[in-house]
C-alpha atoms as a PDB file:
ATOM      1  CA  MET A   1     -35.410  81.913 137.712  1.00  0.00           C
ATOM      2  CA  ARG A   2     -34.290  79.474 140.371  1.00  0.00           C
ATOM      3  CA  LEU A   3     -34.873  75.764 140.794  1.00  0.00           C
ATOM      4  CA  SER A   4     -37.108  75.063 143.751  1.00  0.00           C
ATOM      5  CA  THR A   5     -39.063  72.107 145.065  1.00  0.00           C
ATOM      6  CA  SER A   6     -41.830  71.439 147.492  1.00  0.00           C
ATOM      7  CA  THR A   7     -40.453  70.111 150.740  1.00  0.00           C
ATOM      8  CA  ASN A   8     -42.617  67.042 150.099  1.00  0.00           C
ATOM      9  CA  LEU A   9     -40.098  65.797 147.508  1.00  0.00           C
ATOM     10  CA  ILE A  10     -38.324  64.180 150.458  1.00  0.00           C
ATOM     11  CA  ALA A  11     -41.227  63.568 152.783  1.00  0.00           C
ATOM     12  CA  PHE A  12     -43.840  60.857 152.269  1.00  0.00           C
ATOM     13  CA  ARG A  13     -42.880  57.249 152.935  1.00  0.00           C
ATOM     14  CA  PRO A  14     -44.427  54.205 151.229  1.00  0.00           C
ATOM     15  CA  ASP A  15     -46.953  53.550 153.995  1.00  0.00           C
ATOM     16  CA  TRP A  16     -48.262  57.154 153.640  1.00  0.00           C
ATOM     17  CA  VAL A  17     -48.281  57.307 157.432  1.00  0.00           C
ATOM     18  CA  SER A  18     -44.586  57.826 158.064  1.00  0.00           C
ATOM     19  CA  TYR A  19     -43.251  61.245 157.125  1.00  0.00           C
ATOM     20  CA  ILE A  20     -39.790  62.790 157.069  1.00  0.00           C
ATOM     21  CA  PRO A  21     -39.992  65.996 159.145  1.00  0.00           C
ATOM     22  CA  THR A  22     -39.881  69.273 157.247  1.00  0.00           C
ATOM     23  CA  LEU A  23     -36.635  70.417 158.867  1.00  0.00           C
ATOM     24  CA  ASP A  24     -34.891  67.196 157.842  1.00  0.00           C
ATOM     25  CA  SER A  25     -36.284  67.511 154.319  1.00  0.00           C
ATOM     26  CA  MET A  26     -34.884  71.031 154.019  1.00  0.00           C
ATOM     27  CA  ARG A  27     -31.407  69.864 155.059  1.00  0.00           C
ATOM     28  CA  ARG A  28     -31.429  67.047 152.529  1.00  0.00           C
ATOM     29  CA  LEU A  29     -32.791  69.212 149.707  1.00  0.00           C
ATOM     30  CA  LYS A  30     -30.057  71.773 150.297  1.00  0.00           C
ATOM     31  CA  LYS A  31     -27.458  68.999 150.095  1.00  0.00           C
ATOM     32  CA  VAL A  32     -28.987  67.782 146.822  1.00  0.00           C
ATOM     33  CA  GLY A  33     -28.502  71.252 145.361  1.00  0.00           C
ATOM     34  CA  PHE A  34     -31.882  72.981 145.091  1.00  0.00           C
ATOM     35  CA  ASP A  35     -31.814  76.785 145.132  1.00  0.00           C
ATOM     36  CA  ALA A  36     -34.985  77.270 147.190  1.00  0.00           C
ATOM     37  CA  VAL A  37     -37.971  75.398 148.593  1.00  0.00           C
ATOM     38  CA  ASP A  38     -41.737  75.567 148.706  1.00  0.00           C
ATOM     39  CA  LEU A  39     -42.887  75.044 152.290  1.00  0.00           C
ATOM     40  CA  ASN A  40     -45.548  72.374 151.901  1.00  0.00           C
ATOM     41  CA  ILE A  41     -48.099  72.738 154.682  1.00  0.00           C
ATOM     42  CA  SER A  42     -51.074  71.649 152.602  1.00  0.00           C
ATOM     43  CA  ASP A  43     -51.366  68.436 154.652  1.00  0.00           C
ATOM     44  CA  ALA A  44     -51.286  70.302 157.948  1.00  0.00           C
ATOM     45  CA  GLY A  45     -54.321  68.443 159.263  1.00  0.00           C
ATOM     46  CA  LYS A  46     -52.309  65.230 159.458  1.00  0.00           C
ATOM     47  CA  GLY A  47     -50.569  64.238 162.648  1.00  0.00           C
ATOM     48  CA  PHE A  48     -47.033  64.631 161.349  1.00  0.00           C
ATOM     49  CA  PHE A  49     -47.392  68.384 160.736  1.00  0.00           C
ATOM     50  CA  ARG A  50     -46.589  70.640 163.650  1.00  0.00           C
ATOM     51  CA  LEU A  51     -48.697  73.465 162.256  1.00  0.00           C
ATOM     52  CA  ALA A  52     -51.640  71.828 164.028  1.00  0.00           C
ATOM     53  CA  ASP A  53     -49.777  71.616 167.354  1.00  0.00           C
ATOM     54  CA  ASP A  54     -49.861  74.077 170.224  1.00  0.00           C
ATOM     55  CA  ASP A  55     -46.181  74.911 169.648  1.00  0.00           C
ATOM     56  CA  TRP A  56     -46.646  75.732 165.950  1.00  0.00           C
ATOM     57  CA  LYS A  57     -45.115  79.187 166.354  1.00  0.00           C
ATOM     58  CA  GLU A  58     -41.905  77.662 167.698  1.00  0.00           C
ATOM     59  CA  TRP A  59     -41.873  75.306 164.700  1.00  0.00           C
ATOM     60  CA  VAL A  60     -42.208  78.273 162.335  1.00  0.00           C
ATOM     61  CA  ASP A  61     -39.290  79.976 164.085  1.00  0.00           C
ATOM     62  CA  GLU A  62     -37.198  76.821 163.693  1.00  0.00           C
ATOM     63  CA  ILE A  63     -37.962  76.740 159.960  1.00  0.00           C
ATOM     64  CA  GLY A  64     -36.964  80.371 159.584  1.00  0.00           C
ATOM     65  CA  GLN A  65     -33.707  79.875 161.453  1.00  0.00           C
ATOM     66  CA  LEU A  66     -32.825  76.789 159.413  1.00  0.00           C
ATOM     67  CA  SER A  67     -33.599  78.593 156.157  1.00  0.00           C
ATOM     68  CA  ARG A  68     -31.105  81.289 157.150  1.00  0.00           C
ATOM     69  CA  ASP A  69     -28.489  78.824 158.386  1.00  0.00           C
ATOM     70  CA  LEU A  70     -28.656  76.781 155.180  1.00  0.00           C
ATOM     71  CA  ASP A  71     -28.984  79.817 152.906  1.00  0.00           C
ATOM     72  CA  LEU A  72     -32.034  78.055 151.472  1.00  0.00           C
ATOM     73  CA  PRO A  73     -34.759  80.603 150.667  1.00  0.00           C
ATOM     74  CA  ILE A  74     -38.433  79.683 151.005  1.00  0.00           C
ATOM     75  CA  SER A  75     -39.875  81.259 147.897  1.00  0.00           C
ATOM     76  CA  GLN A  76     -43.456  80.026 148.197  1.00  0.00           C
ATOM     77  CA  ALA A  77     -45.705  77.926 150.422  1.00  0.00           C
ATOM     78  CA  HIS A  78     -48.820  75.834 149.958  1.00  0.00           C
ATOM     79  CA  ALA A  79     -51.761  76.337 152.292  1.00  0.00           C
ATOM     80  CA  PRO A  80     -54.123  73.564 153.386  1.00  0.00           C
ATOM     81  CA  PHE A  81     -57.151  73.242 151.134  1.00  0.00           C
ATOM     82  CA  TYR A  82     -60.680  71.906 150.811  1.00  0.00           C
ATOM     83  CA  ASN A  83     -63.727  73.084 148.886  1.00  0.00           C
ATOM     84  CA  ALA A  84     -64.186  76.124 151.063  1.00  0.00           C
ATOM     85  CA  ILE A  85     -67.255  77.509 149.287  1.00  0.00           C
ATOM     86  CA  GLU A  86     -69.342  74.373 149.595  1.00  0.00           C
ATOM     87  CA  PRO A  87     -72.421  75.337 151.646  1.00  0.00           C
ATOM     88  CA  GLU A  88     -72.213  74.510 155.336  1.00  0.00           C
ATOM     89  CA  SER A  89     -69.115  72.397 154.901  1.00  0.00           C
ATOM     90  CA  ALA A  90     -68.349  70.323 157.972  1.00  0.00           C
ATOM     91  CA  LYS A  91     -64.666  70.598 157.056  1.00  0.00           C
ATOM     92  CA  ALA A  92     -64.482  74.331 157.732  1.00  0.00           C
ATOM     93  CA  GLU A  93     -64.120  73.916 161.489  1.00  0.00           C
ATOM     94  CA  THR A  94     -61.006  71.803 160.952  1.00  0.00           C
ATOM     95  CA  TRP A  95     -59.372  73.564 158.040  1.00  0.00           C
ATOM     96  CA  GLU A  96     -60.049  77.280 158.416  1.00  0.00           C
ATOM     97  CA  PRO A  97     -57.926  77.727 161.584  1.00  0.00           C
ATOM     98  CA  LEU A  98     -55.070  75.889 159.863  1.00  0.00           C
ATOM     99  CA  ILE A  99     -55.360  77.999 156.714  1.00  0.00           C
ATOM    100  CA  ARG A 100     -55.168  81.143 158.800  1.00  0.00           C
ATOM    101  CA  ARG A 101     -52.152  79.726 160.633  1.00  0.00           C
ATOM    102  CA  ALA A 102     -50.510  78.875 157.302  1.00  0.00           C
ATOM    103  CA  ILE A 103     -50.891  82.445 156.027  1.00  0.00           C
ATOM    104  CA  THR A 104     -49.634  83.803 159.329  1.00  0.00           C
ATOM    105  CA  ALA A 105     -46.644  81.441 159.204  1.00  0.00           C
ATOM    106  CA  ALA A 106     -45.863  82.539 155.649  1.00  0.00           C
ATOM    107  CA  GLY A 107     -46.084  86.136 156.804  1.00  0.00           C
ATOM    108  CA  VAL A 108     -43.760  85.611 159.758  1.00  0.00           C
ATOM    109  CA  LEU A 109     -41.275  83.841 157.472  1.00  0.00           C
ATOM    110  CA  GLN A 110     -41.728  86.522 154.799  1.00  0.00           C
ATOM    111  CA  ILE A 111     -42.492  83.928 152.135  1.00  0.00           C
ATOM    112  CA  PRO A 112     -43.469  86.075 149.134  1.00  0.00           C
ATOM    113  CA  TRP A 113     -46.372  83.918 147.904  1.00  0.00           C
ATOM    114  CA  ILE A 114     -48.591  81.312 149.510  1.00  0.00           C
ATOM    115  CA  VAL A 115     -50.583  79.136 147.123  1.00  0.00           C
ATOM    116  CA  MET A 116     -54.274  78.526 147.770  1.00  0.00           C
ATOM    117  CA  HIS A 117     -56.965  76.575 145.929  1.00  0.00           C
ATOM    118  CA  PRO A 118     -60.201  78.190 144.751  1.00  0.00           C
ATOM    119  CA  GLY A 119     -63.440  76.362 145.424  1.00  0.00           C
ATOM    120  CA  THR A 120     -66.381  75.356 143.249  1.00  0.00           C
ATOM    121  CA  TYR A 121     -69.994  75.892 144.222  1.00  0.00           C
ATOM    122  CA  PRO A 122     -71.900  72.616 143.714  1.00  0.00           C
ATOM    123  CA  ASP A 123     -74.333  72.611 140.788  1.00  0.00           C
ATOM    124  CA  ASP A 124     -73.256  76.070 139.686  1.00  0.00           C
ATOM    125  CA  THR A 125     -74.312  77.321 136.260  1.00  0.00           C
ATOM    126  CA  TYR A 126     -71.927  76.812 133.349  1.00  0.00           C
ATOM    127  CA  ASP A 127     -70.538  80.348 133.697  1.00  0.00           C
ATOM    128  CA  PHE A 128     -69.624  79.825 137.393  1.00  0.00           C
ATOM    129  CA  LYS A 129     -71.125  83.143 138.526  1.00  0.00           C
ATOM    130  CA  GLU A 130     -71.894  81.853 142.020  1.00  0.00           C
ATOM    131  CA  SER A 131     -68.478  80.234 142.358  1.00  0.00           C
ATOM    132  CA  LYS A 132     -66.772  83.491 141.435  1.00  0.00           C
ATOM    133  CA  ARG A 133     -68.860  85.498 143.905  1.00  0.00           C
ATOM    134  CA  ARG A 134     -68.213  83.089 146.756  1.00  0.00           C
ATOM    135  CA  ASN A 135     -64.495  82.838 146.013  1.00  0.00           C
ATOM    136  CA  TYR A 136     -64.256  86.612 146.043  1.00  0.00           C
ATOM    137  CA  ASP A 137     -65.911  86.776 149.454  1.00  0.00           C
ATOM    138  CA  TYR A 138     -63.773  83.905 150.737  1.00  0.00           C
ATOM    139  CA  PHE A 139     -60.379  85.171 149.596  1.00  0.00           C
ATOM    140  CA  MET A 140     -60.775  88.854 150.430  1.00  0.00           C
ATOM    141  CA  PRO A 141     -60.221  88.553 154.214  1.00  0.00           C
ATOM    142  CA  TYR A 142     -57.216  86.313 153.623  1.00  0.00           C
ATOM    143  CA  LEU A 143     -55.759  88.762 151.106  1.00  0.00           C
ATOM    144  CA  GLU A 144     -56.123  91.487 153.710  1.00  0.00           C
ATOM    145  CA  LEU A 145     -54.393  89.276 156.292  1.00  0.00           C
ATOM    146  CA  ALA A 146     -51.568  88.513 153.847  1.00  0.00           C
ATOM    147  CA  ALA A 147     -51.227  92.222 153.052  1.00  0.00           C
ATOM    148  CA  GLU A 148     -50.649  92.960 156.742  1.00  0.00           C
ATOM    149  CA  TYR A 149     -47.476  90.862 156.466  1.00  0.00           C
ATOM    150  CA  GLY A 150     -46.484  92.191 153.063  1.00  0.00           C
ATOM    151  CA  ILE A 151     -46.981  88.872 151.265  1.00  0.00           C
ATOM    152  CA  GLY A 152     -49.332  87.645 148.546  1.00  0.00           C
ATOM    153  CA  ILE A 153     -51.692  84.807 147.721  1.00  0.00           C
ATOM    154  CA  ALA A 154     -51.237  82.913 144.457  1.00  0.00           C
ATOM    155  CA  ILE A 155     -54.475  81.212 143.391  1.00  0.00           C
ATOM    156  CA  GLU A 156     -53.879  77.899 141.649  1.00  0.00           C
ATOM    157  CA  ASN A 157     -55.486  76.649 138.447  1.00  0.00           C
ATOM    158  CA  MET A 158     -57.618  73.559 139.072  1.00  0.00           C
ATOM    159  CA  ALA A 159     -58.588  70.539 136.969  1.00  0.00           C
ATOM    160  CA  ASP A 160     -61.117  67.775 136.558  1.00  0.00           C
ATOM    161  CA  ASP A 161     -61.367  64.889 134.135  1.00  0.00           C
ATOM    162  CA  ILE A 162     -65.086  64.122 134.232  1.00  0.00           C
ATOM    163  CA  ARG A 163     -68.491  65.690 133.465  1.00  0.00           C
ATOM    164  CA  ARG A 164     -67.249  67.839 130.557  1.00  0.00           C
ATOM    165  CA  THR A 165     -69.715  68.940 127.917  1.00  0.00           C
ATOM    166  CA  TYR A 166     -69.696  71.369 124.992  1.00  0.00           C
ATOM    167  CA  LEU A 167     -71.280  74.115 127.100  1.00  0.00           C
ATOM    168  CA  ARG A 168     -69.367  73.241 130.230  1.00  0.00           C
ATOM    169  CA  PRO A 169     -65.797  72.165 129.485  1.00  0.00           C
ATOM    170  CA  SER A 170     -65.135  71.664 133.183  1.00  0.00           C
ATOM    171  CA  ALA A 171     -67.075  71.009 136.357  1.00  0.00           C
ATOM    172  CA  VAL A 172     -64.386  72.743 138.408  1.00  0.00           C
ATOM    173  CA  TYR A 173     -64.001  76.505 138.690  1.00  0.00           C
ATOM    174  CA  CYS A 174     -60.667  78.079 137.664  1.00  0.00           C
ATOM    175  CA  SER A 175     -59.601  75.078 135.624  1.00  0.00           C
ATOM    176  CA  THR A 176     -58.959  77.443 132.706  1.00  0.00           C
ATOM    177  CA  HIS A 177     -56.647  80.433 132.535  1.00  0.00           C
ATOM    178  CA  LEU A 178     -59.597  82.627 131.567  1.00  0.00           C
ATOM    179  CA  GLU A 179     -61.513  81.940 134.786  1.00  0.00           C
ATOM    180  CA  LEU A 180     -58.370  82.199 136.895  1.00  0.00           C
ATOM    181  CA  ALA A 181     -57.367  85.567 135.421  1.00  0.00           C
ATOM    182  CA  ASP A 182     -60.919  86.879 135.763  1.00  0.00           C
ATOM    183  CA  LEU A 183     -61.015  85.993 139.458  1.00  0.00           C
ATOM    184  CA  ILE A 184     -57.592  87.518 140.118  1.00  0.00           C
ATOM    185  CA  ASP A 185     -58.498  90.741 138.336  1.00  0.00           C
ATOM    186  CA  SER A 186     -61.716  91.092 140.318  1.00  0.00           C
ATOM    187  CA  PHE A 187     -59.808  91.862 143.534  1.00  0.00           C
ATOM    188  CA  HIS A 188     -57.979  94.938 142.247  1.00  0.00           C
ATOM    189  CA  MET A 189     -55.170  94.212 144.715  1.00  0.00           C
ATOM    190  CA  ASP A 190     -51.423  93.964 144.204  1.00  0.00           C
ATOM    191  CA  ASN A 191     -50.913  90.925 146.442  1.00  0.00           C
ATOM    192  CA  VAL A 192     -52.934  88.405 144.458  1.00  0.00           C
ATOM    193  CA  GLY A 193     -51.669  86.418 141.500  1.00  0.00           C
ATOM    194  CA  ALA A 194     -51.653  83.013 139.842  1.00  0.00           C
ATOM    195  CA  CYS A 195     -49.878  79.763 140.533  1.00  0.00           C
ATOM    196  CA  TRP A 196     -49.722  77.737 137.328  1.00  0.00           C
ATOM    197  CA  ASP A 197     -49.912  73.986 137.834  1.00  0.00           C
ATOM    198  CA  PHE A 198     -48.644  72.421 134.604  1.00  0.00           C
ATOM    199  CA  GLY A 199     -50.074  69.020 135.530  1.00  0.00           C
ATOM    200  CA  HIS A 200     -53.572  70.397 136.087  1.00  0.00           C
ATOM    201  CA  ALA A 201     -53.438  72.218 132.767  1.00  0.00           C
ATOM    202  CA  ASN A 202     -52.366  69.009 131.034  1.00  0.00           C
ATOM    203  CA  LEU A 203     -55.390  67.205 132.463  1.00  0.00           C
ATOM    204  CA  MET A 204     -57.589  69.900 130.970  1.00  0.00           C
ATOM    205  CA  GLY A 205     -55.932  69.648 127.552  1.00  0.00           C
ATOM    206  CA  LEU A 206     -55.128  73.360 127.547  1.00  0.00           C
ATOM    207  CA  ASP A 207     -52.738  75.057 125.169  1.00  0.00           C
ATOM    208  CA  GLN A 208     -50.320  75.981 127.932  1.00  0.00           C
ATOM    209  CA  ARG A 209     -48.351  78.424 125.824  1.00  0.00           C
ATOM    210  CA  GLU A 210     -51.514  80.410 125.148  1.00  0.00           C
ATOM    211  CA  ALA A 211     -52.554  80.175 128.797  1.00  0.00           C
ATOM    212  CA  LEU A 212     -49.218  81.433 130.131  1.00  0.00           C
ATOM    213  CA  ARG A 213     -49.176  84.317 127.670  1.00  0.00           C
ATOM    214  CA  TYR A 214     -52.694  85.250 128.742  1.00  0.00           C
ATOM    215  CA  LEU A 215     -51.769  85.200 132.432  1.00  0.00           C
ATOM    216  CA  GLY A 216     -48.643  87.260 131.787  1.00  0.00           C
ATOM    217  CA  LYS A 217     -47.650  89.333 134.814  1.00  0.00           C
ATOM    218  CA  ARG A 218     -50.347  87.687 136.904  1.00  0.00           C
ATOM    219  CA  LEU A 219     -48.116  84.616 137.146  1.00  0.00           C
ATOM    220  CA  LYS A 220     -46.307  84.552 140.494  1.00  0.00           C
ATOM    221  CA  ALA A 221     -45.616  80.870 141.240  1.00  0.00           C
ATOM    222  CA  THR A 222     -45.478  77.468 139.563  1.00  0.00           C
ATOM    223  CA  HIS A 223     -46.142  73.813 140.303  1.00  0.00           C
ATOM    224  CA  VAL A 224     -43.964  71.736 137.987  1.00  0.00           C
ATOM    225  CA  ALA A 225     -45.119  68.128 137.593  1.00  0.00           C
ATOM    226  CA  ASP A 226     -45.949  65.746 134.792  1.00  0.00           C
ATOM    227  CA  ASN A 227     -48.795  63.280 134.280  1.00  0.00           C
ATOM    228  CA  SER A 228     -50.365  60.959 131.752  1.00  0.00           C
ATOM    229  CA  GLY A 229     -53.154  63.369 130.887  1.00  0.00           C
ATOM    230  CA  MET A 230     -55.636  61.142 132.726  1.00  0.00           C
ATOM    231  CA  HIS A 231     -54.751  61.514 136.406  1.00  0.00           C
ATOM    232  CA  ASP A 232     -52.895  64.075 138.510  1.00  0.00           C
ATOM    233  CA  ASP A 233     -49.840  61.837 138.845  1.00  0.00           C
ATOM    234  CA  HIS A 234     -47.353  64.363 140.304  1.00  0.00           C
ATOM    235  CA  ILE A 235     -44.373  62.721 138.634  1.00  0.00           C
ATOM    236  CA  MET A 236     -41.074  64.013 137.301  1.00  0.00           C
ATOM    237  CA  PRO A 237     -41.037  65.967 134.029  1.00  0.00           C
ATOM    238  CA  PHE A 238     -40.515  63.834 130.913  1.00  0.00           C
ATOM    239  CA  GLN A 239     -42.211  60.860 132.603  1.00  0.00           C
ATOM    240  CA  GLY A 240     -45.636  61.966 131.337  1.00  0.00           C
ATOM    241  CA  THR A 241     -47.139  63.642 128.281  1.00  0.00           C
ATOM    242  CA  ILE A 242     -46.360  67.347 128.821  1.00  0.00           C
ATOM    243  CA  ASP A 243     -44.249  68.890 126.057  1.00  0.00           C
ATOM    244  CA  TRP A 244     -41.841  70.836 128.282  1.00  0.00           C
ATOM    245  CA  ARG A 245     -39.585  71.877 125.398  1.00  0.00           C
ATOM    246  CA  ARG A 246     -42.483  73.644 123.723  1.00  0.00           C
ATOM    247  CA  ILE A 247     -44.038  75.243 126.811  1.00  0.00           C
ATOM    248  CA  LEU A 248     -41.272  76.424 129.122  1.00  0.00           C
ATOM    249  CA  PRO A 249     -39.666  79.069 126.856  1.00  0.00           C
ATOM    250  CA  VAL A 250     -42.867  81.096 127.229  1.00  0.00           C
ATOM    251  CA  LEU A 251     -41.940  81.831 130.861  1.00  0.00           C
ATOM    252  CA  SER A 252     -39.021  84.043 129.891  1.00  0.00           C
ATOM    253  CA  GLN A 253     -41.035  85.550 127.054  1.00  0.00           C
ATOM    254  CA  ILE A 254     -43.655  86.844 129.510  1.00  0.00           C
ATOM    255  CA  GLY A 255     -41.039  88.067 131.993  1.00  0.00           C
ATOM    256  CA  TYR A 256     -41.817  85.535 134.713  1.00  0.00           C
ATOM    257  CA  ASP A 257     -39.403  86.180 137.594  1.00  0.00           C
ATOM    258  CA  GLY A 258     -40.501  83.501 140.049  1.00  0.00           C
ATOM    259  CA  ASP A 259     -39.124  79.996 140.515  1.00  0.00           C
ATOM    260  CA  LEU A 260     -39.617  76.667 138.796  1.00  0.00           C
ATOM    261  CA  THR A 261     -40.992  74.676 141.694  1.00  0.00           C
ATOM    262  CA  TYR A 262     -41.399  70.919 141.715  1.00  0.00           C
ATOM    263  CA  GLU A 263     -44.500  69.207 143.072  1.00  0.00           C
ATOM    264  CA  ILE A 264     -43.460  65.640 142.184  1.00  0.00           C
ATOM    265  CA  HIS A 265     -43.837  63.716 145.438  1.00  0.00           C
ATOM    266  CA  ASN A 266     -45.207  60.624 143.683  1.00  0.00           C
ATOM    267  CA  SER A 267     -41.819  60.175 142.005  1.00  0.00           C
ATOM    268  CA  THR A 268     -40.277  59.567 145.432  1.00  0.00           C
ATOM    269  CA  SER A 269     -42.984  58.571 147.884  1.00  0.00           C
ATOM    270  CA  ARG A 270     -42.721  54.819 147.255  1.00  0.00           C
ATOM    271  CA  LEU A 271     -38.944  54.648 147.142  1.00  0.00           C
ATOM    272  CA  PRO A 272     -36.944  52.868 149.829  1.00  0.00           C
ATOM    273  CA  ASP A 273     -35.077  55.213 152.124  1.00  0.00           C
ATOM    274  CA  ASP A 274     -31.611  54.312 150.861  1.00  0.00           C
ATOM    275  CA  ILE A 275     -32.248  55.587 147.298  1.00  0.00           C
ATOM    276  CA  LEU A 276     -34.581  58.486 148.064  1.00  0.00           C
ATOM    277  CA  ASP A 277     -31.853  61.125 147.910  1.00  0.00           C
ATOM    278  CA  ASP A 278     -30.386  59.591 144.743  1.00  0.00           C
ATOM    279  CA  VAL A 279     -33.651  60.150 142.883  1.00  0.00           C
ATOM    280  CA  ALA A 280     -33.817  63.684 144.292  1.00  0.00           C
ATOM    281  CA  VAL A 281     -30.374  64.244 142.730  1.00  0.00           C
ATOM    282  CA  LEU A 282     -31.770  63.093 139.373  1.00  0.00           C
ATOM    283  CA  ALA A 283     -34.744  65.429 139.799  1.00  0.00           C
ATOM    284  CA  GLU A 284     -32.369  68.310 140.448  1.00  0.00           C
ATOM    285  CA  LYS A 285     -30.452  67.498 137.264  1.00  0.00           C
ATOM    286  CA  VAL A 286     -33.676  67.352 135.241  1.00  0.00           C
ATOM    287  CA  GLY A 287     -34.684  70.645 136.842  1.00  0.00           C
ATOM    288  CA  ARG A 288     -31.507  72.344 135.629  1.00  0.00           C
ATOM    289  CA  TYR A 289     -32.402  71.310 132.100  1.00  0.00           C
ATOM    290  CA  LEU A 290     -35.903  72.716 132.611  1.00  0.00           C
ATOM    291  CA  LEU A 291     -34.388  76.013 133.727  1.00  0.00           C
ATOM    292  CA  ASN A 292     -32.309  76.122 130.588  1.00  0.00           C
ATOM    293  CA  LEU A 293     -35.441  75.510 128.528  1.00  0.00           C
ATOM    294  CA  ALA A 294     -37.276  78.288 130.337  1.00  0.00           C
ATOM    295  CA  GLU A 295     -34.400  80.687 129.799  1.00  0.00           C
ATOM    296  CA  GLY A 296     -33.993  79.785 126.131  1.00  0.00           C
ATOM    297  CA  LYS A 297     -30.628  78.099 126.675  1.00  0.00           C
ATOM    298  CA  ALA A 298     -31.650  74.578 125.628  1.00  0.00           C
ATOM    299  CA  SER A 299     -33.864  72.901 123.083  1.00  0.00           C
END
């Protein structure tokens, strides 16, 4: 396993309008000491992302060249997302071209896995039959596109914190490992797997050791972030309620060979510029401890 982070660790500024460009973030993250990065293009619809520009292919080439120059691998990426299976969504016209561009960019850069969110059909039955059917139809063309480039799509576990009942523990599809594994298995393709978001699972109150063991070889990517168990805080591990010491050793037990990848932008987004990199250094140090936990070298 390697220690990786989303490029958004050094990205958002306190006004949430200013943004440190991806190329600059990569340079600074390499200097901090991370082994690899997750190319965050999930906010590609915002003005500061060049994926939405006419010269997006040149931008992708620049990222690839910098990755080689820095010897900083891009081990996963995060595609833009919205509830893609909502009927007649007005958002599709904006987001679908960018999602296709994101997969194409990941293919050109030979990023092994690009993370995508499943959708939930509104007012679906408790067993999510319609959500599963629509997600299958939605993902299949993108899996075929990814396969053309020799890369895969890692579908992320979701979460909600409202509208739970005894019969329906969640109002959001794929917020349990059982639903996520069932959807992945339905494709019968080698280039589809799971991205496990530890923060989402904490919101759902899941036994994450059981969930990771159930996913097993389906697990291809991770989103490492902590939270209070009430909101998706995206903060540094040990700042929330996740029991990392108990959970992480399961990764080596199931033979996970991907990276530990931070998604903790809210630990840095409000910091002043002159201490931003210092906190990234702390995050890297915490990450090394997490790696040791995952590899059974710490307790």
